């Protein structure tokens, strides 16, 4: 099988889709100076290769009345990890989960109306998974989304 390599056009398409994944093929084609069908074929190939996994909107939660955007850094017993992740993935307050190396192994992005309601969510829902809270931060601003 021929080795797959990204070229300049692929990178240009990816950059535009990172900025606004709702752009139509014709708009992307105009911006990268290529044929619309070439752009469509490239995007489909990037999807099949797993480079583009999905297209997701960037939501302004504050405009929805969700004024507390928080990051919770925790550790959890490995025996509870699967249950915790299943719970988090199914909860509408949870906007992101990152598993990483270092002192804090899991970062959870929680959004709710108030920081008090986020605290209550942590105490009433997350503590049953015997998490060890390492750090809790409220996001003030996201200059890059």
N, C-alpha and C. Protein backbone atom coordinates (compact mmCIF):
# COMPACT_ATOMS: atom_id res chain seq x y z
N UNK A 1 0.84 -1.18 0.00
CA UNK A 1 0.00 0.00 0.00
C UNK A 1 0.89 1.25 0.00
N UNK A 2 0.49 2.21 -0.79
CA UNK A 2 1.24 3.45 -0.89
C UNK A 2 1.17 4.22 0.42
N UNK A 3 2.31 4.76 0.84
CA UNK A 3 2.38 5.55 2.07
C UNK A 3 1.58 6.84 1.90
N UNK A 4 0.81 7.17 2.91
CA UNK A 4 -0.01 8.38 2.87
C UNK A 4 0.72 9.52 3.53
N UNK A 5 0.85 10.63 2.82
CA UNK A 5 1.50 11.82 3.35
C UNK A 5 0.61 13.03 3.10
N UNK A 6 0.52 13.87 4.11
CA UNK A 6 -0.20 15.12 3.94
C UNK A 6 0.61 16.08 3.09
N UNK A 7 -0.06 16.81 2.22
CA UNK A 7 0.64 17.82 1.43
C UNK A 7 0.15 19.21 1.83
N UNK A 8 0.64 20.21 1.12
CA UNK A 8 0.30 21.60 1.44
C UNK A 8 -1.21 21.83 1.40
N UNK A 9 -1.88 21.28 0.40
CA UNK A 9 -3.33 21.46 0.28
C UNK A 9 -4.05 20.84 1.47
N UNK A 10 -3.64 19.67 1.89
CA UNK A 10 -4.26 19.03 3.06
C UNK A 10 -4.13 19.93 4.29
N UNK A 11 -2.95 20.46 4.51
CA UNK A 11 -2.72 21.33 5.67
C UNK A 11 -3.55 22.61 5.58
N UNK A 12 -3.71 23.16 4.38
CA UNK A 12 -4.54 24.35 4.21
C UNK A 12 -6.00 24.04 4.54
N UNK A 13 -6.48 22.91 4.06
CA UNK A 13 -7.87 22.50 4.34
C UNK A 13 -8.06 22.29 5.83
N UNK A 14 -7.14 21.60 6.47
CA UNK A 14 -7.23 21.33 7.90
C UNK A 14 -7.27 22.65 8.69
N UNK A 15 -6.40 23.58 8.33
CA UNK A 15 -6.37 24.87 9.03
C UNK A 15 -7.72 25.57 8.94
N UNK A 16 -8.30 25.60 7.75
CA UNK A 16 -9.61 26.24 7.58
C UNK A 16 -10.70 25.52 8.37
N UNK A 17 -10.65 24.21 8.37
CA UNK A 17 -11.67 23.45 9.10
C UNK A 17 -11.52 23.60 10.61
N UNK A 18 -10.29 23.79 11.08
CA UNK A 18 -10.10 24.07 12.51
C UNK A 18 -10.72 25.40 12.89
N UNK A 19 -10.69 26.35 11.99
CA UNK A 19 -11.29 27.67 12.25
C UNK A 19 -12.80 27.61 12.18
N UNK A 20 -13.34 26.92 11.17
CA UNK A 20 -14.80 26.85 10.99
C UNK A 20 -15.13 25.60 10.18
N UNK A 21 -15.50 24.56 10.87
CA UNK A 21 -15.75 23.29 10.18
C UNK A 21 -17.08 23.27 9.44
N UNK A 22 -17.86 24.34 9.53
CA UNK A 22 -19.13 24.39 8.81
C UNK A 22 -18.99 25.01 7.42
N UNK A 23 -17.79 25.41 7.06
CA UNK A 23 -17.58 25.99 5.72
C UNK A 23 -17.96 24.99 4.64
N UNK A 24 -18.68 25.43 3.62
CA UNK A 24 -18.99 24.53 2.50
C UNK A 24 -17.73 24.27 1.67
N UNK A 25 -17.74 23.15 0.95
CA UNK A 25 -16.60 22.80 0.11
C UNK A 25 -16.23 23.95 -0.82
N UNK A 26 -17.24 24.63 -1.38
CA UNK A 26 -16.97 25.72 -2.33
C UNK A 26 -16.18 26.85 -1.69
N UNK A 27 -16.49 27.17 -0.43
CA UNK A 27 -15.78 28.25 0.27
C UNK A 27 -14.34 27.83 0.59
N UNK A 28 -14.18 26.59 1.02
CA UNK A 28 -12.82 26.08 1.29
C UNK A 28 -12.01 26.11 -0.01
N UNK A 29 -12.63 25.64 -1.10
CA UNK A 29 -11.94 25.59 -2.40
C UNK A 29 -11.48 26.98 -2.82
N UNK A 30 -12.34 27.96 -2.61
CA UNK A 30 -11.98 29.34 -2.97
C UNK A 30 -10.78 29.81 -2.14
N UNK A 31 -10.78 29.49 -0.86
CA UNK A 31 -9.71 29.93 0.03
C UNK A 31 -8.37 29.24 -0.24
N UNK A 32 -8.41 28.00 -0.72
CA UNK A 32 -7.16 27.27 -0.96
C UNK A 32 -6.79 27.24 -2.44
N UNK A 33 -7.62 27.92 -3.27
CA UNK A 33 -7.36 28.00 -4.70
C UNK A 33 -7.34 26.62 -5.35
N UNK A 34 -8.39 25.84 -5.07
CA UNK A 34 -8.50 24.49 -5.63
C UNK A 34 -9.93 24.25 -6.10
N UNK A 35 -10.11 23.19 -6.84
CA UNK A 35 -11.43 22.78 -7.32
C UNK A 35 -12.26 22.25 -6.15
N UNK A 36 -13.57 22.55 -6.15
CA UNK A 36 -14.45 22.11 -5.06
C UNK A 36 -14.46 20.59 -4.92
N UNK A 37 -14.41 19.86 -6.03
CA UNK A 37 -14.46 18.40 -5.96
C UNK A 37 -13.14 17.84 -5.41
N UNK A 38 -12.05 18.51 -5.70
CA UNK A 38 -10.76 18.11 -5.12
C UNK A 38 -10.80 18.28 -3.61
N UNK A 39 -11.35 19.40 -3.16
CA UNK A 39 -11.48 19.66 -1.72
C UNK A 39 -12.37 18.62 -1.07
N UNK A 40 -13.50 18.32 -1.70
CA UNK A 40 -14.41 17.31 -1.15
C UNK A 40 -13.70 15.96 -1.02
N UNK A 41 -13.00 15.56 -2.08
CA UNK A 41 -12.28 14.28 -2.05
C UNK A 41 -11.21 14.26 -0.98
N UNK A 42 -10.49 15.36 -0.83
CA UNK A 42 -9.44 15.44 0.19
C UNK A 42 -10.04 15.32 1.59
N UNK A 43 -11.14 16.03 1.84
CA UNK A 43 -11.78 15.99 3.16
C UNK A 43 -12.26 14.57 3.46
N UNK A 44 -12.86 13.92 2.47
CA UNK A 44 -13.33 12.55 2.67
C UNK A 44 -12.15 11.61 2.97
N UNK A 45 -11.05 11.79 2.28
CA UNK A 45 -9.86 10.98 2.54
C UNK A 45 -9.31 11.24 3.94
N UNK A 46 -9.27 12.51 4.32
CA UNK A 46 -8.80 12.85 5.67
C UNK A 46 -9.70 12.24 6.74
N UNK A 47 -10.99 12.16 6.47
CA UNK A 47 -11.92 11.50 7.39
C UNK A 47 -11.66 10.00 7.45
N UNK A 48 -11.52 9.37 6.27
CA UNK A 48 -11.27 7.92 6.24
C UNK A 48 -9.96 7.55 6.92
N UNK A 49 -8.97 8.42 6.83
CA UNK A 49 -7.67 8.17 7.46
C UNK A 49 -7.68 8.48 8.96
N UNK A 50 -8.79 9.04 9.45
CA UNK A 50 -8.89 9.35 10.88
C UNK A 50 -8.24 10.65 11.28
N UNK A 51 -7.81 11.44 10.31
CA UNK A 51 -7.18 12.72 10.62
C UNK A 51 -8.24 13.73 11.02
N UNK A 52 -9.34 13.76 10.28
CA UNK A 52 -10.51 14.54 10.70
C UNK A 52 -11.46 13.54 11.35
N UNK A 53 -11.62 13.66 12.66
CA UNK A 53 -12.45 12.71 13.38
C UNK A 53 -13.92 13.12 13.38
N UNK A 54 -14.16 14.42 13.50
CA UNK A 54 -15.53 14.93 13.52
C UNK A 54 -15.49 16.45 13.40
N UNK A 55 -16.64 17.02 13.20
CA UNK A 55 -16.79 18.46 13.11
C UNK A 55 -17.68 18.88 14.28
N UNK A 56 -17.20 19.82 15.08
CA UNK A 56 -17.90 20.16 16.31
C UNK A 56 -18.00 21.68 16.44
N UNK A 57 -19.16 22.16 16.87
CA UNK A 57 -19.36 23.58 17.07
C UNK A 57 -18.70 24.06 18.34
N UNK A 58 -18.31 25.32 18.36
CA UNK A 58 -17.76 25.96 19.55
C UNK A 58 -18.90 26.75 20.19
N UNK A 59 -19.27 26.37 21.39
CA UNK A 59 -20.44 26.92 22.06
C UNK A 59 -20.02 27.96 23.10
N UNK A 60 -20.72 29.08 23.14
CA UNK A 60 -20.51 30.07 24.17
C UNK A 60 -21.49 29.75 25.30
N UNK A 61 -21.03 29.02 26.29
CA UNK A 61 -21.90 28.57 27.37
C UNK A 61 -22.44 29.72 28.21
N UNK A 62 -21.68 30.78 28.37
CA UNK A 62 -22.14 31.93 29.16
C UNK A 62 -23.40 32.54 28.55
N UNK A 63 -23.48 32.56 27.23
CA UNK A 63 -24.67 33.11 26.57
C UNK A 63 -25.89 32.21 26.74
N UNK A 64 -25.65 31.01 27.23
CA UNK A 64 -26.74 30.07 27.53
C UNK A 64 -27.11 30.12 29.01
N UNK A 65 -26.46 31.01 29.76
CA UNK A 65 -26.73 31.10 31.18
C UNK A 65 -25.88 30.16 32.02
N UNK A 66 -24.87 29.54 31.40
CA UNK A 66 -23.96 28.64 32.12
C UNK A 66 -22.69 29.43 32.40
N UNK A 67 -22.67 30.10 33.55
CA UNK A 67 -21.63 31.08 33.84
C UNK A 67 -20.39 30.52 34.52
N UNK A 68 -20.40 29.26 34.90
CA UNK A 68 -19.21 28.69 35.53
C UNK A 68 -18.62 27.63 34.61
N UNK A 69 -17.43 27.89 34.13
CA UNK A 69 -16.67 26.98 33.28
C UNK A 69 -15.44 26.60 34.10
N UNK A 70 -15.38 25.37 34.54
CA UNK A 70 -14.34 24.97 35.49
C UNK A 70 -13.54 23.77 35.00
N UNK A 71 -12.30 23.71 35.46
CA UNK A 71 -11.43 22.56 35.23
C UNK A 71 -11.16 21.90 36.57
N UNK A 72 -11.41 20.62 36.61
CA UNK A 72 -11.18 19.83 37.81
C UNK A 72 -10.09 18.82 37.50
N UNK A 73 -9.03 18.83 38.27
CA UNK A 73 -7.92 17.90 38.10
C UNK A 73 -8.01 16.86 39.21
N UNK A 74 -8.09 15.60 38.83
CA UNK A 74 -8.30 14.55 39.82
C UNK A 74 -7.43 13.33 39.53
N UNK A 75 -7.32 12.52 40.55
CA UNK A 75 -6.79 11.17 40.42
C UNK A 75 -7.89 10.23 40.84
N UNK A 76 -7.89 9.03 40.30
CA UNK A 76 -8.90 8.04 40.66
C UNK A 76 -8.25 6.66 40.69
N UNK A 77 -8.74 5.82 41.55
CA UNK A 77 -8.27 4.45 41.62
C UNK A 77 -8.55 3.79 40.26
N UNK A 78 -7.56 3.11 39.70
CA UNK A 78 -7.76 2.47 38.38
C UNK A 78 -8.98 1.56 38.32
N UNK A 79 -9.36 0.97 39.44
CA UNK A 79 -10.53 0.08 39.44
C UNK A 79 -11.83 0.86 39.25
N UNK A 80 -11.82 2.16 39.49
CA UNK A 80 -13.01 3.01 39.35
C UNK A 80 -13.00 3.83 38.04
N UNK A 81 -11.88 3.79 37.33
CA UNK A 81 -11.71 4.65 36.16
C UNK A 81 -12.78 4.42 35.10
N UNK A 82 -13.05 3.18 34.75
CA UNK A 82 -14.04 2.87 33.72
C UNK A 82 -15.41 3.40 34.07
N UNK A 83 -15.83 3.19 35.32
CA UNK A 83 -17.14 3.68 35.76
C UNK A 83 -17.19 5.21 35.74
N UNK A 84 -16.11 5.84 36.19
CA UNK A 84 -16.06 7.30 36.20
C UNK A 84 -16.17 7.84 34.78
N UNK A 85 -15.39 7.28 33.86
CA UNK A 85 -15.42 7.76 32.47
C UNK A 85 -16.79 7.56 31.84
N UNK A 86 -17.41 6.43 32.10
CA UNK A 86 -18.77 6.19 31.57
C UNK A 86 -19.75 7.23 32.08
N UNK A 87 -19.67 7.53 33.38
CA UNK A 87 -20.55 8.53 33.97
C UNK A 87 -20.30 9.91 33.35
N UNK A 88 -19.03 10.29 33.25
CA UNK A 88 -18.68 11.61 32.73
C UNK A 88 -19.12 11.77 31.28
N UNK A 89 -18.90 10.74 30.46
CA UNK A 89 -19.26 10.83 29.04
C UNK A 89 -20.76 11.01 28.85
N UNK A 90 -21.55 10.53 29.79
CA UNK A 90 -23.00 10.63 29.66
C UNK A 90 -23.62 11.82 30.36
N UNK A 91 -22.79 12.71 30.91
CA UNK A 91 -23.33 13.83 31.68
C UNK A 91 -23.23 15.14 30.89
N UNK A 92 -24.33 15.86 30.77
CA UNK A 92 -24.34 17.09 29.97
C UNK A 92 -23.53 18.23 30.56
N UNK A 93 -23.22 18.17 31.85
CA UNK A 93 -22.40 19.22 32.46
C UNK A 93 -20.92 19.08 32.07
N UNK A 94 -20.53 17.88 31.68
CA UNK A 94 -19.13 17.58 31.36
C UNK A 94 -18.89 17.87 29.88
N UNK A 95 -18.00 18.81 29.62
CA UNK A 95 -17.72 19.24 28.25
C UNK A 95 -16.41 18.70 27.71
N UNK A 96 -15.59 18.13 28.59
CA UNK A 96 -14.33 17.57 28.13
C UNK A 96 -13.69 16.72 29.20
N UNK A 97 -12.97 15.69 28.76
CA UNK A 97 -12.23 14.80 29.65
C UNK A 97 -10.86 14.59 29.01
N UNK A 98 -9.81 14.78 29.78
CA UNK A 98 -8.46 14.54 29.29
C UNK A 98 -7.73 13.66 30.29
N UNK A 99 -7.17 12.57 29.79
CA UNK A 99 -6.34 11.70 30.63
C UNK A 99 -4.90 12.00 30.26
N UNK A 100 -4.07 12.25 31.28
CA UNK A 100 -2.71 12.72 31.01
C UNK A 100 -1.71 12.16 32.02
N UNK A 101 -0.46 12.48 31.81
CA UNK A 101 0.59 12.10 32.74
C UNK A 101 0.73 13.20 33.79
N UNK A 102 1.50 12.93 34.81
CA UNK A 102 1.78 13.95 35.82
C UNK A 102 1.04 13.71 37.12
N UNK A 103 1.09 14.71 37.98
CA UNK A 103 0.46 14.62 39.30
C UNK A 103 -1.05 14.47 39.23
N UNK A 104 -1.66 15.20 38.31
CA UNK A 104 -3.12 15.13 38.12
C UNK A 104 -3.36 14.32 36.86
N UNK A 105 -3.97 13.17 37.01
CA UNK A 105 -4.09 12.24 35.89
C UNK A 105 -5.30 12.51 34.99
N UNK A 106 -6.35 13.12 35.52
CA UNK A 106 -7.55 13.37 34.73
C UNK A 106 -7.96 14.82 34.89
N UNK A 107 -8.25 15.46 33.75
CA UNK A 107 -8.76 16.83 33.75
C UNK A 107 -10.19 16.77 33.22
N UNK A 108 -11.11 17.34 33.99
CA UNK A 108 -12.52 17.33 33.62
C UNK A 108 -12.98 18.76 33.47
N UNK A 109 -13.56 19.09 32.32
CA UNK A 109 -14.14 20.42 32.09
C UNK A 109 -15.63 20.32 32.40
N UNK A 110 -16.05 21.06 33.42
CA UNK A 110 -17.44 21.05 33.86
C UNK A 110 -18.02 22.45 33.68
N UNK A 111 -19.23 22.52 33.10
CA UNK A 111 -19.90 23.79 32.88
C UNK A 111 -21.30 23.72 33.50
N UNK A 112 -21.65 24.77 34.26
CA UNK A 112 -22.98 24.83 34.85
C UNK A 112 -23.35 26.29 35.11
N UNK A 113 -24.56 26.49 35.62
CA UNK A 113 -25.06 27.86 35.83
C UNK A 113 -24.20 28.65 36.80
N UNK A 114 -23.80 28.03 37.90
CA UNK A 114 -22.98 28.72 38.89
C UNK A 114 -21.86 27.80 39.34
N UNK A 115 -20.85 28.40 39.95
CA UNK A 115 -19.76 27.59 40.49
C UNK A 115 -20.22 26.80 41.72
N UNK A 116 -21.23 27.30 42.40
CA UNK A 116 -21.82 26.56 43.51
C UNK A 116 -22.47 25.26 43.00
N UNK A 117 -23.15 25.35 41.86
CA UNK A 117 -23.76 24.13 41.31
C UNK A 117 -22.69 23.16 40.79
N UNK A 118 -21.57 23.68 40.31
CA UNK A 118 -20.46 22.81 39.92
C UNK A 118 -19.91 22.10 41.15
N UNK A 119 -19.74 22.86 42.25
CA UNK A 119 -19.25 22.26 43.49
C UNK A 119 -20.20 21.16 43.98
N UNK A 120 -21.50 21.44 43.92
CA UNK A 120 -22.48 20.44 44.34
C UNK A 120 -22.41 19.20 43.47
N UNK A 121 -22.23 19.39 42.18
CA UNK A 121 -22.09 18.26 41.25
C UNK A 121 -20.89 17.41 41.63
N UNK A 122 -19.79 18.05 41.94
CA UNK A 122 -18.58 17.32 42.33
C UNK A 122 -18.84 16.54 43.62
N UNK A 123 -19.41 17.20 44.60
CA UNK A 123 -19.62 16.56 45.90
C UNK A 123 -20.66 15.44 45.83
N UNK A 124 -21.75 15.68 45.11
CA UNK A 124 -22.85 14.70 45.11
C UNK A 124 -22.69 13.60 44.08
N UNK A 125 -22.07 13.91 42.96
CA UNK A 125 -21.99 12.94 41.87
C UNK A 125 -20.60 12.31 41.71
N UNK A 126 -19.56 13.14 41.76
CA UNK A 126 -18.23 12.62 41.45
C UNK A 126 -17.54 11.95 42.63
N UNK A 127 -17.82 12.40 43.83
CA UNK A 127 -17.12 11.84 44.99
C UNK A 127 -17.46 10.37 45.21
N UNK A 128 -18.57 9.89 44.67
CA UNK A 128 -18.92 8.47 44.82
C UNK A 128 -17.94 7.56 44.07
N UNK A 129 -17.15 8.15 43.16
CA UNK A 129 -16.14 7.39 42.44
C UNK A 129 -14.79 7.43 43.17
N UNK A 130 -14.82 7.97 44.40
CA UNK A 130 -13.63 8.03 45.26
C UNK A 130 -12.48 8.76 44.57
N UNK A 131 -12.81 9.88 43.94
CA UNK A 131 -11.77 10.67 43.28
C UNK A 131 -10.96 11.43 44.33
N UNK A 132 -9.73 11.70 43.98
CA UNK A 132 -8.88 12.55 44.81
C UNK A 132 -8.74 13.87 44.04
N UNK A 133 -9.32 14.93 44.59
CA UNK A 133 -9.26 16.23 43.92
C UNK A 133 -7.89 16.84 44.17
N UNK A 134 -7.21 17.15 43.08
CA UNK A 134 -5.89 17.76 43.17
C UNK A 134 -5.95 19.27 42.98
N UNK A 135 -6.88 19.70 42.11
CA UNK A 135 -6.96 21.13 41.81
C UNK A 135 -8.32 21.43 41.20
N UNK A 136 -8.83 22.63 41.48
CA UNK A 136 -10.08 23.10 40.90
C UNK A 136 -9.85 24.53 40.44
N UNK A 137 -10.09 24.78 39.16
CA UNK A 137 -9.87 26.12 38.60
C UNK A 137 -11.09 26.57 37.82
N UNK A 138 -11.40 27.84 37.92
CA UNK A 138 -12.46 28.44 37.12
C UNK A 138 -11.81 29.15 35.95
N UNK A 139 -12.31 28.89 34.76
CA UNK A 139 -11.76 29.51 33.56
C UNK A 139 -12.32 30.93 33.46
N UNK A 140 -11.42 31.90 33.35
CA UNK A 140 -11.83 33.29 33.22
C UNK A 140 -12.04 33.68 31.77
N UNK A 141 -11.20 33.14 30.89
CA UNK A 141 -11.26 33.52 29.48
C UNK A 141 -10.59 32.44 28.67
N UNK A 142 -11.06 32.25 27.43
CA UNK A 142 -10.44 31.32 26.48
C UNK A 142 -10.07 32.11 25.22
N UNK A 143 -8.87 32.71 25.21
CA UNK A 143 -8.48 33.51 24.05
C UNK A 143 -8.45 32.71 22.74
N UNK A 144 -8.17 31.42 22.83
CA UNK A 144 -8.18 30.53 21.65
C UNK A 144 -9.13 29.40 21.96
N UNK A 145 -10.08 29.18 21.09
CA UNK A 145 -11.02 28.05 21.28
C UNK A 145 -10.80 27.02 20.23
